[in-house]
Amino acid sequence: MFHRFYPAEMAESSYSIDYEELYRQGYRGLIYDIDNTLVEHGADANSEVIELFRRLNKIGFRICLLSNNQAPRVRRFYRGVNIPGVHLHYIFDAHKPSRKSYRKAMRIMRTNKRNTVFIGDQIFTDIYGANRAGIRSMLVKPINKNEEIQIVLKRRLERIIMHFYKKEKLERMKHGNIVLIGFDGCGKYEIGKLLAERCNMDFLDTNETLAEKLGKDPSEIMKEHGEDYFREAEYELVCHLGRKAKRMVISAGGGIPTSVINQKKLRQMGEVIYLKAKAETILPALRADSSRPFFYSNNREDEIMRLIGERNFAYQVTCHKVVNVDDHSVSENAAEIQRIMG
């Protein structure tokens, strides 16, 4: 319910982050909120900010300030750091959590979703907006606890979000699994097997496991017994994996996250990665494959297009992170998952 507001990770402050490690992982763009993220609310840039930005430029990062404040405030801060040795951009009146400003920042920096990190101190604007834009989000503690009344009220709600975030994170750490979700044909099986090999983990495909258990391919099960029977078998398997799976890469059947109960169980099971693919990527992979559990109608491509639209939301609300697999090889996508997992 709350996970769209969850940060990808947390840090004590903007100044304690291991930026060298982020760069090693392939990140090249950093987007920052200003107030209570870099300085106290309304404060000018100080020597600590200047030294941080010089260091980041030297490492190789491109930087963009992204603030909901109006132009005078943001320009005043920018002028304070726009000195030799510091190169950065800024956007004011950003209307966070609108995705538009995050995308604009990436265009300015010439970076993309895969190599950009957002750093901010507020969940409902900073983190939610970054998550909506598909950017890795990092929540830092506010520098000054004395804030405007409307922000103080938001902080109370943030505490509720963080309670569930920490509880769920402990549950995921206990199991140590990576769960891949996405539409059939997005490459979950191939990517999952390679990822498991590279991470020295076991691999499990739910469709393959159900076929072994029931003695039939998923498509045959659905033809003979109906979709409800197949979904119940999936649910039982998810419950079993939730209790037993440890340090596994799990490729989940495309329909599993459409159940709200399954969504919760998958998220508790481990880190859920949505392998997002366009129809142009999915269709060629499915045209010659009749074993998929729901593609036994005469209008397979119409069915695929309909289901892609229906399931995208379910995948988005289930996952912790999104990896866009279009135009990337199996090896590249496995490497990207390793990178975002840190």
Protein backbone atom coordinates (compact mmCIF):
# COMPACT_ATOMS: atom_id res chain seq x y z
CA MET A 1 0.00 0.00 0.00
CA PHE A 2 2.76 2.44 0.97
CA HIS A 3 5.67 1.11 -1.04
CA ARG A 4 5.37 3.71 -3.82
CA PHE A 5 6.66 6.14 -1.16
CA TYR A 6 9.54 3.93 -0.02
CA PRO A 7 13.09 5.11 -0.78
CA ALA A 8 15.43 2.70 -2.52
CA GLU A 9 17.75 3.34 0.40
CA MET A 10 18.47 5.72 3.28
CA ALA A 11 21.50 7.70 4.39
CA GLU A 12 22.34 9.75 7.46
CA SER A 13 22.96 12.85 5.32
CA SER A 14 23.89 13.99 1.82
CA TYR A 15 27.47 14.27 3.06
CA SER A 16 27.80 10.68 4.36
CA ILE A 17 26.93 8.88 1.11
CA ASP A 18 29.64 6.75 -0.50
CA TYR A 19 29.69 8.57 -3.84
CA GLU A 20 32.78 6.76 -5.06
CA GLU A 21 30.86 3.49 -4.74
CA LEU A 22 27.89 4.93 -6.61
CA TYR A 23 30.19 5.95 -9.44
CA ARG A 24 31.76 2.48 -9.47
CA GLN A 25 28.26 1.02 -9.82
CA GLY A 26 27.74 3.07 -12.97
CA TYR A 27 25.84 6.11 -11.74
CA ARG A 28 26.71 9.41 -13.41
CA GLY A 29 23.96 11.90 -12.53
CA LEU A 30 22.93 13.24 -9.10
CA ILE A 31 19.75 15.24 -8.55
CA TYR A 32 19.46 17.09 -5.23
CA ASP A 33 16.73 18.78 -3.31
CA ILE A 34 18.11 21.89 -1.55
CA ASP A 35 16.35 22.82 1.69
CA ASN A 36 17.11 20.47 4.59
CA THR A 37 18.90 18.16 2.16
CA LEU A 38 22.03 20.26 1.48
CA VAL A 39 21.53 23.19 3.89
CA GLU A 40 19.03 24.30 6.52
CA HIS A 41 15.75 25.61 5.17
CA GLY A 42 16.34 28.94 3.41
CA ALA A 43 20.10 28.99 4.06
CA ASP A 44 22.69 30.00 1.49
CA ALA A 45 25.30 27.62 0.13
CA ASN A 46 28.18 27.09 2.54
CA SER A 47 31.72 25.72 2.36
CA GLU A 48 30.49 22.17 3.05
CA VAL A 49 28.23 22.24 -0.03
CA ILE A 50 30.99 23.74 -2.20
CA GLU A 51 33.48 21.10 -1.08
CA LEU A 52 30.94 18.30 -1.73
CA PHE A 53 30.17 19.52 -5.26
CA ARG A 54 33.84 19.97 -6.10
CA ARG A 55 34.46 16.43 -4.96
CA LEU A 56 31.53 15.09 -6.99
CA ASN A 57 32.63 16.90 -10.16
CA LYS A 58 36.14 15.53 -9.68
CA ILE A 59 34.74 11.99 -9.37
CA GLY A 60 32.88 12.53 -12.65
CA PHE A 61 29.28 13.23 -11.59
CA ARG A 62 26.92 15.68 -13.26
CA ILE A 63 24.70 17.53 -10.79
CA CYS A 64 21.30 19.19 -10.95
CA LEU A 65 19.42 20.99 -8.17
CA LEU A 66 15.69 20.31 -8.21
CA SER A 67 13.56 22.48 -5.94
CA ASN A 68 9.91 23.37 -5.53
CA ASN A 69 11.04 26.83 -4.37
CA GLN A 70 10.64 29.83 -6.62
CA ALA A 71 13.42 31.33 -8.74
CA PRO A 72 14.88 33.90 -6.26
CA ARG A 73 15.60 31.26 -3.59
CA VAL A 74 17.08 28.70 -5.98
CA ARG A 75 19.14 31.23 -7.95
CA ARG A 76 20.55 32.68 -4.72
CA PHE A 77 21.70 29.23 -3.64
CA TYR A 78 23.06 28.48 -7.10
CA ARG A 79 25.10 31.68 -7.18
CA GLY A 80 26.71 30.61 -3.93
CA VAL A 81 28.13 27.44 -5.48
CA ASN A 82 28.64 28.63 -9.07
CA ILE A 83 32.37 29.13 -8.62
CA PRO A 84 35.50 27.68 -10.29
CA GLY A 85 35.72 23.94 -9.81
CA VAL A 86 31.94 23.47 -9.43
CA HIS A 87 29.68 22.75 -12.40
CA LEU A 88 25.96 22.10 -11.91
CA HIS A 89 22.48 22.94 -13.18
CA TYR A 90 19.26 23.92 -11.43
CA ILE A 91 15.49 23.76 -11.86
CA PHE A 92 13.15 25.90 -9.73
CA ASP A 93 9.37 25.63 -9.24
CA ALA A 94 9.75 21.91 -10.05
CA HIS A 95 6.27 20.83 -8.88
CA LYS A 96 7.61 17.67 -7.27
CA PRO A 97 6.36 14.91 -7.21
CA SER A 98 5.60 15.58 -10.90
CA ARG A 99 7.76 13.33 -13.08
CA LYS A 100 8.29 16.10 -15.63
CA SER A 101 10.97 17.95 -13.67
CA TYR A 102 12.96 14.78 -12.93
CA ARG A 103 12.99 13.94 -16.62
CA LYS A 104 14.05 17.49 -17.46
CA ALA A 105 16.95 17.22 -15.01
CA MET A 106 18.14 14.03 -16.71
CA ARG A 107 17.93 15.67 -20.13
CA ILE A 108 19.99 18.61 -18.87
CA MET A 109 22.64 16.29 -17.40
CA ARG A 110 22.47 13.93 -20.40
CA THR A 111 21.85 10.96 -18.11
CA ASN A 112 19.05 8.39 -17.91
CA LYS A 113 16.99 6.40 -15.42
CA ARG A 114 19.64 3.74 -15.10
CA ASN A 115 22.51 6.01 -14.12
CA THR A 116 20.80 8.74 -12.09
CA VAL A 117 20.21 9.00 -8.33
CA PHE A 118 17.89 11.43 -6.57
CA ILE A 119 18.73 12.61 -3.03
CA GLY A 120 16.18 14.39 -0.84
CA ASP A 121 14.70 14.64 2.65
CA GLN A 122 10.92 14.50 2.05
CA ILE A 123 8.98 11.36 1.21
CA PHE A 124 5.80 12.76 -0.35
CA THR A 125 7.56 15.13 -2.75
CA ASP A 126 11.22 14.13 -3.23
CA ILE A 127 11.11 10.35 -2.92
CA TYR A 128 7.66 9.76 -4.38
CA GLY A 129 8.53 11.88 -7.41
CA ALA A 130 11.80 10.05 -8.01
CA ASN A 131 10.06 6.69 -7.70
CA ARG A 132 7.40 7.79 -10.18
CA ALA A 133 10.14 8.83 -12.60
CA GLY A 134 11.88 5.46 -12.25
CA ILE A 135 15.02 6.92 -10.66
CA ARG A 136 16.90 5.39 -7.74
CA SER A 137 15.78 7.38 -4.69
CA MET A 138 17.81 8.08 -1.57
CA LEU A 139 16.22 9.53 1.57
CA VAL A 140 18.42 11.57 3.93
CA LYS A 141 17.56 12.90 7.38
CA PRO A 142 16.50 16.57 7.42
CA ILE A 143 19.31 18.85 8.54
CA ASN A 144 17.09 21.00 10.77
CA LYS A 145 14.16 19.64 12.77
CA ASN A 146 12.60 23.12 13.08
CA GLU A 147 10.40 23.27 10.00
CA GLU A 148 7.29 25.04 8.74
CA ILE A 149 4.02 23.74 10.19
CA GLN A 150 2.86 22.12 6.93
CA ILE A 151 6.11 20.15 6.73
CA VAL A 152 5.87 19.17 10.41
CA LEU A 153 2.44 17.65 9.69
CA LYS A 154 3.88 15.75 6.73
CA ARG A 155 6.67 14.40 8.93
CA ARG A 156 4.07 12.73 11.16
CA LEU A 157 2.67 10.91 8.16
CA GLU A 158 6.20 10.07 7.03
CA ARG A 159 6.80 8.28 10.34
CA ILE A 160 3.93 5.92 9.53
CA ILE A 161 5.41 5.20 6.09
CA MET A 162 8.86 4.57 7.57
CA HIS A 163 7.47 2.19 10.19
CA PHE A 164 6.19 -0.13 7.46
CA TYR A 165 9.28 0.45 5.31
CA LYS A 166 11.63 -0.70 8.07
CA LYS A 167 9.43 -3.65 8.99
CA GLU A 168 9.29 -4.84 5.38
CA LYS A 169 13.02 -4.29 4.86
CA LEU A 170 13.84 -6.52 7.85
CA GLU A 171 11.58 -9.22 6.40
CA ARG A 172 13.32 -9.03 3.01
CA MET A 173 16.78 -9.15 4.54
CA LYS A 174 15.83 -12.28 6.49
CA HIS A 175 15.04 -14.17 3.28
CA GLY A 176 17.66 -12.67 0.96
CA ASN A 177 15.76 -13.52 -2.25
CA ILE A 178 15.53 -11.66 -5.55
CA VAL A 179 12.10 -11.93 -7.19
CA LEU A 180 11.77 -11.07 -10.88
CA ILE A 181 8.34 -10.05 -12.14
CA GLY A 182 7.12 -8.89 -15.52
CA PHE A 183 5.12 -9.91 -18.54
CA ASP A 184 5.84 -13.27 -20.15
CA GLY A 185 8.48 -12.83 -22.83
CA CYS A 186 10.39 -10.06 -21.01
CA GLY A 187 13.30 -12.42 -20.29
CA LYS A 188 12.73 -13.27 -16.63
CA TYR A 189 13.90 -16.88 -17.04
CA GLU A 190 17.12 -16.17 -18.96
CA ILE A 191 18.04 -13.11 -16.88
CA GLY A 192 17.19 -14.92 -13.64
CA LYS A 193 19.34 -17.95 -14.43
CA LEU A 194 22.35 -15.81 -15.30
CA LEU A 195 21.82 -13.58 -12.26
CA ALA A 196 21.64 -16.61 -9.96
CA GLU A 197 24.85 -17.97 -11.43
CA ARG A 198 26.68 -14.66 -10.97
CA CYS A 199 25.40 -14.19 -7.40
CA ASN A 200 25.98 -17.83 -6.40
CA MET A 201 22.27 -18.30 -5.63
CA ASP A 202 19.72 -20.98 -6.50
CA PHE A 203 17.24 -20.31 -9.30
CA LEU A 204 13.53 -21.18 -9.46
CA ASP A 205 10.95 -20.51 -12.16
CA THR A 206 7.37 -20.75 -10.86
CA ASN A 207 5.87 -21.97 -14.15
CA GLU A 208 8.54 -24.68 -14.42
CA THR A 209 7.98 -25.70 -10.80
CA LEU A 210 4.20 -25.92 -11.25
CA ALA A 211 4.62 -27.97 -14.43
CA GLU A 212 6.80 -30.46 -12.54
CA LYS A 213 4.40 -30.60 -9.60
CA LEU A 214 1.19 -30.99 -11.64
CA GLY A 215 2.68 -32.99 -14.52
CA LYS A 216 1.46 -30.59 -17.21
CA ASP A 217 2.46 -27.31 -18.83
CA PRO A 218 0.67 -24.23 -17.46
CA SER A 219 -1.26 -23.82 -20.73
CA GLU A 220 -2.58 -27.40 -20.46
CA ILE A 221 -3.54 -26.88 -16.82
CA MET A 222 -5.56 -23.79 -17.69
CA LYS A 223 -7.24 -25.46 -20.66
CA GLU A 224 -8.30 -28.48 -18.63
CA HIS A 225 -9.03 -26.95 -15.22
CA GLY A 226 -9.52 -23.23 -15.82
CA GLU A 227 -7.68 -20.13 -14.71
CA ASP A 228 -8.99 -20.16 -11.11
CA TYR A 229 -7.43 -23.59 -10.54
CA PHE A 230 -4.09 -22.43 -11.95
CA ARG A 231 -4.07 -19.20 -9.90
CA GLU A 232 -4.80 -21.18 -6.73
CA ALA A 233 -1.83 -23.44 -7.49
CA GLU A 234 0.33 -20.33 -7.99
CA TYR A 235 -0.86 -18.91 -4.67
CA GLU A 236 0.02 -22.10 -2.81
CA LEU A 237 3.48 -22.08 -4.38
CA VAL A 238 4.01 -18.44 -3.41
CA CYS A 239 3.02 -19.24 0.18
CA HIS A 240 5.44 -22.17 0.23
CA LEU A 241 8.28 -20.05 -1.15
CA GLY A 242 7.52 -17.33 1.38
CA ARG A 243 8.18 -19.85 4.15
CA LYS A 244 11.03 -21.85 2.64
CA ALA A 245 12.93 -19.86 -0.01
CA LYS A 246 16.32 -18.55 1.09
CA ARG A 247 18.91 -16.86 -1.14
CA MET A 248 17.11 -17.66 -4.36
CA VAL A 249 16.48 -15.85 -7.62
CA ILE A 250 12.80 -16.46 -8.37
CA SER A 251 11.22 -15.90 -11.78
CA ALA A 252 7.53 -15.32 -11.01
CA GLY A 253 4.83 -16.19 -13.52
CA GLY A 254 3.42 -13.16 -15.30
CA GLY A 255 0.01 -13.38 -13.61
CA ILE A 256 1.17 -13.88 -10.03
CA PRO A 257 1.41 -10.16 -9.11
CA THR A 258 -2.16 -9.50 -10.29
CA SER A 259 -3.39 -10.83 -6.93
CA VAL A 260 -3.19 -8.31 -4.08
CA ILE A 261 -2.39 -11.12 -1.62
CA ASN A 262 0.44 -12.32 -3.85
CA GLN A 263 1.78 -8.77 -4.15
CA LYS A 264 2.26 -8.57 -0.40
CA LYS A 265 3.82 -12.02 -0.16
CA LEU A 266 6.24 -11.37 -3.02
CA ARG A 267 7.42 -8.14 -1.41
CA GLN A 268 7.96 -9.90 1.91
CA MET A 269 9.83 -12.70 0.17
CA GLY A 270 12.68 -10.53 -1.11
CA GLU A 271 13.70 -7.65 -3.35
CA VAL A 272 11.14 -7.50 -6.18
CA ILE A 273 12.48 -6.31 -9.55
CA TYR A 274 10.05 -5.45 -12.36
CA LEU A 275 11.57 -6.27 -15.75
CA LYS A 276 9.68 -3.73 -17.81
CA ALA A 277 9.42 -4.28 -21.55
CA LYS A 278 7.52 -2.69 -24.40
CA ALA A 279 5.10 -4.70 -26.52
CA GLU A 280 7.65 -4.56 -29.35
CA THR A 281 10.03 -6.56 -27.16
CA ILE A 282 7.44 -8.97 -25.80
CA LEU A 283 5.51 -9.92 -28.95
CA PRO A 284 8.40 -11.51 -30.92
CA ALA A 285 9.28 -13.65 -27.90
CA LEU A 286 5.72 -14.97 -27.62
CA ARG A 287 4.60 -15.44 -31.22
CA ALA A 288 6.13 -18.89 -31.56
CA ASP A 289 5.55 -20.03 -27.97
CA SER A 290 2.27 -21.82 -27.31
CA SER A 291 3.25 -22.98 -23.81
CA ARG A 292 2.32 -19.69 -22.13
CA PRO A 293 -0.59 -20.29 -19.74
CA PHE A 294 -3.05 -17.78 -21.17
CA PHE A 295 -2.20 -17.63 -24.88
CA TYR A 296 -4.47 -20.34 -26.17
CA SER A 297 -7.14 -18.07 -27.68
CA ASN A 298 -7.35 -17.43 -31.41
CA ASN A 299 -6.47 -13.76 -30.98
CA ARG A 300 -3.20 -14.12 -29.11
CA GLU A 301 -1.74 -10.73 -29.99
CA ASP A 302 -4.94 -8.88 -29.07
CA GLU A 303 -4.91 -10.78 -25.78
CA ILE A 304 -1.28 -9.89 -25.15
CA MET A 305 -1.86 -6.18 -25.77
CA ARG A 306 -4.85 -6.16 -23.45
CA LEU A 307 -2.98 -7.96 -20.67
CA ILE A 308 0.10 -5.76 -20.97
CA GLY A 309 -2.08 -2.74 -20.26
CA GLU A 310 -3.89 -4.43 -17.38
CA ARG A 311 -0.84 -5.85 -15.66
CA ASN A 312 1.53 -2.91 -15.84
CA PHE A 313 -0.07 -1.26 -12.80
CA ALA A 314 0.08 -4.50 -10.79
CA TYR A 315 3.79 -4.84 -11.57
CA GLN A 316 4.45 -1.22 -10.64
CA VAL A 317 2.76 -1.46 -7.25
CA THR A 318 4.45 -4.78 -6.42
CA CYS A 319 8.07 -4.01 -7.24
CA HIS A 320 10.79 -2.35 -5.22
CA LYS A 321 12.77 -1.41 -8.32
CA VAL A 322 12.22 -1.27 -12.10
CA VAL A 323 14.69 -2.38 -14.79
CA ASN A 324 13.84 -1.45 -18.38
CA VAL A 325 15.01 -4.43 -20.45
CA ASP A 326 14.31 -3.07 -23.94
CA ASP A 327 17.37 -2.92 -26.22
CA HIS A 328 19.64 -4.58 -23.65
CA SER A 329 21.12 -8.07 -23.65
CA VAL A 330 20.48 -10.72 -21.01
CA SER A 331 23.98 -10.12 -19.65
CA GLU A 332 23.48 -6.34 -19.51
CA ASN A 333 20.15 -6.69 -17.70
CA ALA A 334 21.60 -9.13 -15.17
CA ALA A 335 24.47 -6.70 -14.56
CA GLU A 336 22.00 -3.83 -14.07
CA ILE A 337 20.12 -5.80 -11.39
CA GLN A 338 23.41 -6.54 -9.62
CA ARG A 339 24.25 -2.84 -9.76
CA ILE A 340 20.97 -1.53 -8.32
CA MET A 341 21.08 -4.19 -5.62
CA GLY A 342 24.41 -2.68 -4.58
